[in-house]
Protein backbone atom coordinates (compact mmCIF):
# COMPACT_ATOMS: atom_id res chain seq x y z
CA UNK A 1 -27.25 -29.14 32.69
CA UNK A 2 -27.21 -29.20 28.89
CA UNK A 3 -23.84 -29.52 27.22
CA UNK A 4 -22.36 -27.93 24.14
CA UNK A 5 -19.22 -28.48 22.08
CA UNK A 6 -16.05 -26.55 23.06
CA UNK A 7 -13.22 -26.54 20.54
CA UNK A 8 -9.87 -24.95 21.27
CA UNK A 9 -8.14 -24.34 17.95
CA UNK A 10 -4.42 -23.57 17.69
CA UNK A 11 -2.34 -22.62 14.70
CA UNK A 12 -1.51 -26.31 14.18
CA UNK A 13 -5.12 -27.56 14.48
CA UNK A 14 -7.53 -28.59 17.24
CA UNK A 15 -5.94 -28.74 20.68
CA UNK A 16 -9.04 -29.63 22.71
CA UNK A 17 -12.53 -30.76 21.72
CA UNK A 18 -14.95 -31.55 24.55
CA UNK A 19 -18.61 -31.43 25.50
CA UNK A 20 -18.86 -28.89 28.33
CA UNK A 21 -21.44 -27.29 30.63
CA UNK A 22 -20.05 -23.74 30.69
CA UNK A 23 -17.13 -21.51 29.70
CA UNK A 24 -16.23 -18.44 31.76
CA UNK A 25 -13.79 -15.88 30.39
CA UNK A 26 -12.86 -12.21 30.37
CA UNK A 27 -13.58 -9.93 27.43
CA UNK A 28 -12.87 -6.23 27.08
CA UNK A 29 -16.48 -5.56 28.15
CA UNK A 30 -16.25 -7.78 31.25
CA UNK A 31 -16.67 -11.41 32.29
CA UNK A 32 -18.97 -13.62 30.22
CA UNK A 33 -20.36 -17.10 30.72
CA UNK A 34 -21.27 -19.26 27.76
CA UNK A 35 -23.92 -21.94 28.27
CA UNK A 36 -25.70 -24.33 25.90
CA UNK A 37 -27.86 -22.63 23.25
CA UNK A 38 -26.07 -19.28 23.69
CA UNK A 39 -26.90 -16.71 21.03
CA UNK A 40 -24.30 -16.26 18.25
CA UNK A 41 -21.29 -14.27 19.41
CA UNK A 42 -17.89 -13.20 18.12
CA UNK A 43 -15.59 -11.53 20.66
CA UNK A 44 -12.02 -11.08 21.82
CA UNK A 45 -11.11 -13.02 24.98
CA UNK A 46 -8.49 -11.25 27.05
CA UNK A 47 -5.17 -12.83 27.88
CA UNK A 48 -5.39 -14.77 31.14
CA UNK A 49 -7.32 -17.62 32.65
CA UNK A 50 -10.46 -19.20 31.23
CA UNK A 51 -12.60 -21.67 33.17
CA UNK A 52 -14.34 -24.64 31.59
CA UNK A 53 -16.97 -26.52 33.61
CA UNK A 54 -17.58 -30.19 32.88
CA UNK A 55 -19.84 -32.30 35.14
CA UNK A 56 -19.37 -30.09 38.25
CA UNK A 57 -15.59 -30.06 37.74
CA UNK A 58 -13.75 -26.89 36.75
CA UNK A 59 -10.70 -26.90 34.48
CA UNK A 60 -8.56 -23.80 34.06
CA UNK A 61 -6.50 -22.87 31.03
CA UNK A 62 -4.15 -19.93 30.62
CA UNK A 63 -4.21 -17.92 27.40
CA UNK A 64 -0.85 -16.14 26.98
CA UNK A 65 -2.34 -13.82 24.32
CA UNK A 66 -5.75 -12.35 23.49
CA UNK A 67 -7.82 -14.88 21.54
CA UNK A 68 -10.96 -14.98 19.39
CA UNK A 69 -14.15 -16.71 20.60
CA UNK A 70 -16.89 -17.65 18.14
CA UNK A 71 -20.17 -19.10 19.41
CA UNK A 72 -22.81 -20.42 17.01
CA UNK A 73 -24.93 -23.54 16.48
CA UNK A 74 -24.18 -24.78 20.04
CA UNK A 75 -20.42 -24.79 19.36
CA UNK A 76 -17.93 -22.49 21.09
CA UNK A 77 -14.67 -22.23 19.17
CA UNK A 78 -11.71 -20.46 20.79
CA UNK A 79 -8.89 -19.61 18.39
CA UNK A 80 -5.49 -19.26 20.09
CA UNK A 81 -1.83 -18.85 19.08
CA UNK A 82 -0.89 -21.49 21.66
CA UNK A 83 -1.92 -22.62 25.14
CA UNK A 84 0.10 -22.78 28.33
CA UNK A 85 -0.49 -25.55 30.86
CA UNK A 86 -2.43 -28.80 30.79
CA UNK A 87 -4.14 -29.61 27.49
CA UNK A 88 -6.53 -32.21 28.98
């Protein structure tokens, strides 16, 4: 599966930057999956869990607040106030 860059940006700078296979999250219009070469997108991700798939392994992160997701040029950037849980 093709990979794309995932950057989790907090108010103090980048928290996570990884090459990933997929991102799955909830928006106000429902669940979305982001894959490599996704069309440009700007949306609000609802508070709660997001899933990031890397080499058949799934990592989960909890967003304590709604966040902004921007996808363009094969980069998905999630802008958060802060992140709860493991930052790896």
